[in-house]
Amino acid sequence: MAWIYLGIAIVFEIGFALGTNATRGFTRLWPSVFTLLSAAGGIFTLSLALKTLDVSVGYTIWTGVGSIGTVVFGALLYKEKINAAKLVSFAAIIGGVALLRLAAM
């Protein structure tokens, strides 16, 4: 169940990051509400995951996979560019997440 909570927390993390961009400095009401709810949901579900997972594993995966999701969806929604350096960074993050997952077994 901890991995399910972590997956949900990652979705909230991506929503939080993308929503923050849409708030335009928290001057737009509904994007601001969405962003704050996403932040709270992410922290809450991460805390549920960390009841079982080591914080070093759970938090690192949460931020790593959340970062990848933010870059991918930032490219799709905000037309941000994905270059070779970002792709290499993705590979490093994915490799690190895979190793952490194996270490947690």
N, C-alpha and C. Protein backbone atom coordinates (compact mmCIF):
# COMPACT_ATOMS: atom_id res chain seq x y z
N MET A 1 0.82 -1.20 0.00
CA MET A 1 0.00 0.00 0.00
C MET A 1 0.87 1.27 0.00
N ALA A 2 2.04 1.19 0.60
CA ALA A 2 2.92 2.36 0.67
C ALA A 2 3.30 2.85 -0.72
N TRP A 3 3.51 1.93 -1.65
CA TRP A 3 3.90 2.32 -3.01
C TRP A 3 2.73 2.99 -3.73
N ILE A 4 1.52 2.58 -3.43
CA ILE A 4 0.33 3.23 -4.01
C ILE A 4 0.23 4.66 -3.49
N TYR A 5 0.40 4.82 -2.16
CA TYR A 5 0.39 6.16 -1.59
C TYR A 5 1.49 7.03 -2.20
N LEU A 6 2.65 6.44 -2.41
CA LEU A 6 3.75 7.20 -3.00
C LEU A 6 3.41 7.62 -4.43
N GLY A 7 2.78 6.73 -5.19
CA GLY A 7 2.36 7.08 -6.56
C GLY A 7 1.36 8.22 -6.56
N ILE A 8 0.42 8.18 -5.63
CA ILE A 8 -0.56 9.27 -5.53
C ILE A 8 0.14 10.57 -5.14
N ALA A 9 1.08 10.48 -4.21
CA ALA A 9 1.83 11.66 -3.78
C ALA A 9 2.61 12.27 -4.95
N ILE A 10 3.13 11.42 -5.82
CA ILE A 10 3.87 11.90 -7.00
C ILE A 10 2.94 12.67 -7.94
N VAL A 11 1.73 12.15 -8.14
CA VAL A 11 0.76 12.86 -8.99
C VAL A 11 0.44 14.23 -8.39
N PHE A 12 0.23 14.28 -7.08
CA PHE A 12 -0.01 15.57 -6.42
C PHE A 12 1.20 16.50 -6.58
N GLU A 13 2.41 15.95 -6.47
CA GLU A 13 3.63 16.75 -6.61
C GLU A 13 3.72 17.39 -7.99
N ILE A 14 3.41 16.62 -9.01
CA ILE A 14 3.42 17.14 -10.38
C ILE A 14 2.35 18.23 -10.52
N GLY A 15 1.16 17.98 -9.99
CA GLY A 15 0.09 18.98 -10.03
C GLY A 15 0.48 20.26 -9.31
N PHE A 16 1.16 20.10 -8.18
CA PHE A 16 1.62 21.26 -7.41
C PHE A 16 2.60 22.10 -8.23
N ALA A 17 3.58 21.44 -8.82
CA ALA A 17 4.60 22.17 -9.58
C ALA A 17 3.99 22.87 -10.79
N LEU A 18 3.15 22.16 -11.53
CA LEU A 18 2.53 22.77 -12.71
C LEU A 18 1.54 23.86 -12.31
N GLY A 19 0.82 23.63 -11.23
CA GLY A 19 -0.14 24.62 -10.75
C GLY A 19 0.53 25.90 -10.30
N THR A 20 1.70 25.77 -9.69
CA THR A 20 2.43 26.95 -9.23
C THR A 20 2.72 27.88 -10.39
N ASN A 21 3.08 27.32 -11.53
CA ASN A 21 3.32 28.13 -12.73
C ASN A 21 2.03 28.84 -13.17
N ALA A 22 0.92 28.15 -13.07
CA ALA A 22 -0.35 28.71 -13.53
C ALA A 22 -0.91 29.79 -12.61
N THR A 23 -0.43 29.86 -11.37
CA THR A 23 -0.97 30.85 -10.43
C THR A 23 -0.54 32.27 -10.75
N ARG A 24 0.56 32.38 -11.51
CA ARG A 24 1.14 33.71 -11.82
C ARG A 24 1.38 34.50 -10.53
N GLY A 25 2.16 33.85 -9.64
CA GLY A 25 2.50 34.50 -8.37
C GLY A 25 1.33 34.50 -7.39
N PHE A 26 0.50 33.49 -7.45
CA PHE A 26 -0.68 33.36 -6.61
C PHE A 26 -1.61 34.56 -6.74
N THR A 27 -1.73 35.05 -7.97
CA THR A 27 -2.66 36.15 -8.26
C THR A 27 -3.94 35.65 -8.93
N ARG A 28 -3.99 34.35 -9.28
CA ARG A 28 -5.18 33.77 -9.92
C ARG A 28 -5.80 32.78 -8.94
N LEU A 29 -7.07 32.96 -8.63
CA LEU A 29 -7.73 32.21 -7.55
C LEU A 29 -7.73 30.71 -7.76
N TRP A 30 -8.33 30.22 -8.83
CA TRP A 30 -8.51 28.78 -8.97
C TRP A 30 -7.21 28.02 -9.18
N PRO A 31 -6.28 28.51 -9.95
CA PRO A 31 -4.98 27.82 -9.99
C PRO A 31 -4.29 27.83 -8.61
N SER A 32 -4.48 28.91 -7.85
CA SER A 32 -3.89 28.97 -6.51
C SER A 32 -4.52 27.95 -5.57
N VAL A 33 -5.83 27.82 -5.64
CA VAL A 33 -6.53 26.81 -4.82
C VAL A 33 -6.06 25.42 -5.21
N PHE A 34 -6.01 25.14 -6.50
CA PHE A 34 -5.54 23.84 -6.99
C PHE A 34 -4.13 23.55 -6.49
N THR A 35 -3.25 24.54 -6.57
CA THR A 35 -1.86 24.38 -6.17
C THR A 35 -1.75 24.08 -4.68
N LEU A 36 -2.47 24.81 -3.87
CA LEU A 36 -2.42 24.58 -2.42
C LEU A 36 -2.99 23.22 -2.05
N LEU A 37 -4.09 22.82 -2.69
CA LEU A 37 -4.66 21.49 -2.42
C LEU A 37 -3.72 20.38 -2.88
N SER A 38 -3.06 20.59 -4.01
CA SER A 38 -2.10 19.60 -4.50
C SER A 38 -0.92 19.46 -3.54
N ALA A 39 -0.44 20.59 -3.03
CA ALA A 39 0.67 20.55 -2.08
C ALA A 39 0.26 19.78 -0.82
N ALA A 40 -0.91 20.10 -0.30
CA ALA A 40 -1.39 19.42 0.91
C ALA A 40 -1.61 17.93 0.65
N GLY A 41 -2.22 17.61 -0.49
CA GLY A 41 -2.45 16.20 -0.82
C GLY A 41 -1.16 15.43 -0.99
N GLY A 42 -0.16 16.06 -1.60
CA GLY A 42 1.12 15.41 -1.80
C GLY A 42 1.83 15.12 -0.49
N ILE A 43 1.84 16.10 0.38
CA ILE A 43 2.51 15.91 1.67
C ILE A 43 1.76 14.88 2.51
N PHE A 44 0.43 14.92 2.48
CA PHE A 44 -0.35 13.95 3.25
C PHE A 44 -0.11 12.53 2.76
N THR A 45 -0.21 12.30 1.45
CA THR A 45 -0.04 10.93 0.95
C THR A 45 1.42 10.48 1.05
N LEU A 46 2.36 11.41 0.94
CA LEU A 46 3.76 11.04 1.19
C LEU A 46 3.93 10.58 2.63
N SER A 47 3.30 11.27 3.56
CA SER A 47 3.42 10.88 4.97
C SER A 47 2.84 9.49 5.21
N LEU A 48 1.78 9.14 4.48
CA LEU A 48 1.23 7.79 4.61
C LEU A 48 2.20 6.75 4.06
N ALA A 49 2.84 7.07 2.96
CA ALA A 49 3.83 6.15 2.38
C ALA A 49 5.02 5.96 3.31
N LEU A 50 5.41 7.04 3.99
CA LEU A 50 6.59 6.98 4.85
C LEU A 50 6.34 6.26 6.17
N LYS A 51 5.10 5.86 6.42
CA LYS A 51 4.85 5.00 7.57
C LYS A 51 5.56 3.66 7.40
N THR A 52 5.72 3.24 6.15
CA THR A 52 6.33 1.95 5.83
C THR A 52 7.69 2.11 5.16
N LEU A 53 7.79 3.03 4.23
CA LEU A 53 9.03 3.21 3.47
C LEU A 53 10.05 4.02 4.27
N ASP A 54 11.32 3.77 4.03
CA ASP A 54 12.37 4.62 4.58
C ASP A 54 12.23 6.01 3.96
N VAL A 55 12.44 7.04 4.76
CA VAL A 55 12.33 8.40 4.25
C VAL A 55 13.34 8.64 3.14
N SER A 56 14.52 8.04 3.24
CA SER A 56 15.54 8.24 2.21
C SER A 56 15.08 7.69 0.87
N VAL A 57 14.29 6.65 0.88
CA VAL A 57 13.77 6.05 -0.35
C VAL A 57 12.53 6.80 -0.82
N GLY A 58 11.56 6.93 0.05
CA GLY A 58 10.28 7.55 -0.32
C GLY A 58 10.41 8.98 -0.79
N TYR A 59 11.13 9.79 -0.03
CA TYR A 59 11.25 11.20 -0.40
C TYR A 59 12.03 11.37 -1.70
N THR A 60 13.10 10.60 -1.85
CA THR A 60 13.92 10.73 -3.05
C THR A 60 13.15 10.31 -4.29
N ILE A 61 12.39 9.23 -4.19
CA ILE A 61 11.57 8.80 -5.33
C ILE A 61 10.49 9.83 -5.61
N TRP A 62 9.87 10.35 -4.57
CA TRP A 62 8.81 11.36 -4.72
C TRP A 62 9.33 12.57 -5.48
N THR A 63 10.47 13.08 -5.08
CA THR A 63 10.99 14.28 -5.75
C THR A 63 11.55 13.95 -7.13
N GLY A 64 12.20 12.79 -7.27
CA GLY A 64 12.80 12.43 -8.56
C GLY A 64 11.77 12.18 -9.64
N VAL A 65 10.81 11.33 -9.34
CA VAL A 65 9.77 11.02 -10.33
C VAL A 65 8.88 12.24 -10.53
N GLY A 66 8.63 12.99 -9.46
CA GLY A 66 7.86 14.23 -9.60
C GLY A 66 8.56 15.23 -10.52
N SER A 67 9.88 15.28 -10.44
CA SER A 67 10.65 16.18 -11.32
C SER A 67 10.53 15.77 -12.78
N ILE A 68 10.64 14.47 -13.02
CA ILE A 68 10.50 13.99 -14.40
C ILE A 68 9.11 14.30 -14.93
N GLY A 69 8.10 14.01 -14.14
CA GLY A 69 6.73 14.29 -14.56
C GLY A 69 6.51 15.77 -14.82
N THR A 70 7.10 16.60 -13.99
CA THR A 70 6.96 18.04 -14.17
C THR A 70 7.59 18.50 -15.48
N VAL A 71 8.75 17.97 -15.80
CA VAL A 71 9.41 18.35 -17.06
C VAL A 71 8.59 17.87 -18.26
N VAL A 72 8.12 16.63 -18.20
CA VAL A 72 7.34 16.08 -19.33
C VAL A 72 6.05 16.87 -19.52
N PHE A 73 5.30 17.06 -18.43
CA PHE A 73 4.03 17.78 -18.56
C PHE A 73 4.25 19.27 -18.80
N GLY A 74 5.36 19.83 -18.31
CA GLY A 74 5.70 21.21 -18.63
C GLY A 74 5.91 21.39 -20.12
N ALA A 75 6.53 20.38 -20.74
CA ALA A 75 6.73 20.43 -22.20
C ALA A 75 5.40 20.33 -22.93
N LEU A 76 4.52 19.48 -22.44
CA LEU A 76 3.22 19.29 -23.10
C LEU A 76 2.29 20.48 -22.89
N LEU A 77 2.22 20.99 -21.67
CA LEU A 77 1.25 22.05 -21.36
C LEU A 77 1.78 23.46 -21.62
N TYR A 78 3.06 23.67 -21.34
CA TYR A 78 3.62 25.01 -21.43
C TYR A 78 4.63 25.17 -22.57
N LYS A 79 4.73 24.13 -23.40
CA LYS A 79 5.61 24.16 -24.58
C LYS A 79 7.09 24.40 -24.21
N GLU A 80 7.49 23.90 -23.02
CA GLU A 80 8.89 23.99 -22.63
C GLU A 80 9.69 22.98 -23.44
N LYS A 81 10.93 23.30 -23.74
CA LYS A 81 11.77 22.44 -24.57
C LYS A 81 12.43 21.34 -23.74
N ILE A 82 12.51 20.14 -24.34
CA ILE A 82 13.27 19.03 -23.76
C ILE A 82 14.49 18.82 -24.65
N ASN A 83 15.67 19.04 -24.08
CA ASN A 83 16.90 18.91 -24.85
C ASN A 83 17.69 17.68 -24.39
N ALA A 84 18.86 17.50 -24.98
CA ALA A 84 19.69 16.33 -24.67
C ALA A 84 20.10 16.29 -23.20
N ALA A 85 20.42 17.43 -22.63
CA ALA A 85 20.82 17.47 -21.23
C ALA A 85 19.69 17.02 -20.32
N LYS A 86 18.46 17.41 -20.64
CA LYS A 86 17.31 16.96 -19.85
C LYS A 86 17.11 15.45 -20.00
N LEU A 87 17.31 14.94 -21.19
CA LEU A 87 17.15 13.49 -21.40
C LEU A 87 18.20 12.70 -20.61
N VAL A 88 19.42 13.17 -20.58
CA VAL A 88 20.46 12.51 -19.79
C VAL A 88 20.10 12.58 -18.30
N SER A 89 19.60 13.72 -17.88
CA SER A 89 19.18 13.86 -16.49
C SER A 89 18.04 12.90 -16.15
N PHE A 90 17.09 12.74 -17.07
CA PHE A 90 16.01 11.77 -16.87
C PHE A 90 16.58 10.38 -16.63
N ALA A 91 17.53 10.00 -17.47
CA ALA A 91 18.12 8.67 -17.37
C ALA A 91 18.80 8.49 -16.01
N ALA A 92 19.49 9.51 -15.55
CA ALA A 92 20.15 9.43 -14.24
C ALA A 92 19.14 9.30 -13.11
N ILE A 93 18.06 10.08 -13.19
CA ILE A 93 17.03 10.01 -12.16
C ILE A 93 16.35 8.64 -12.17
N ILE A 94 15.98 8.16 -13.35
CA ILE A 94 15.33 6.86 -13.45
C ILE A 94 16.25 5.75 -12.93
N GLY A 95 17.53 5.82 -13.27
CA GLY A 95 18.47 4.84 -12.76
C GLY A 95 18.57 4.89 -11.24
N GLY A 96 18.61 6.08 -10.69
CA GLY A 96 18.66 6.22 -9.24
C GLY A 96 17.41 5.73 -8.55
N VAL A 97 16.26 6.02 -9.14
CA VAL A 97 14.99 5.54 -8.58
C VAL A 97 14.94 4.02 -8.62
N ALA A 98 15.37 3.43 -9.73
CA ALA A 98 15.38 1.95 -9.84
C ALA A 98 16.28 1.34 -8.77
N LEU A 99 17.46 1.91 -8.57
CA LEU A 99 18.37 1.39 -7.56
C LEU A 99 17.80 1.55 -6.14
N LEU A 100 17.17 2.69 -5.88
CA LEU A 100 16.55 2.89 -4.57
C LEU A 100 15.42 1.88 -4.34
N ARG A 101 14.65 1.63 -5.38
CA ARG A 101 13.56 0.65 -5.26
C ARG A 101 14.12 -0.73 -4.93
N LEU A 102 15.21 -1.11 -5.59
CA LEU A 102 15.85 -2.39 -5.30
C LEU A 102 16.42 -2.42 -3.89
N ALA A 103 16.97 -1.32 -3.46
CA ALA A 103 17.54 -1.25 -2.11
C ALA A 103 16.46 -1.35 -1.04
N ALA A 104 15.24 -0.96 -1.37
CA ALA A 104 14.15 -0.98 -0.39
C ALA A 104 13.53 -2.37 -0.24
N MET A 105 13.91 -3.28 -1.11
CA MET A 105 13.31 -4.63 -1.06
C MET A 105 13.93 -5.48 0.03
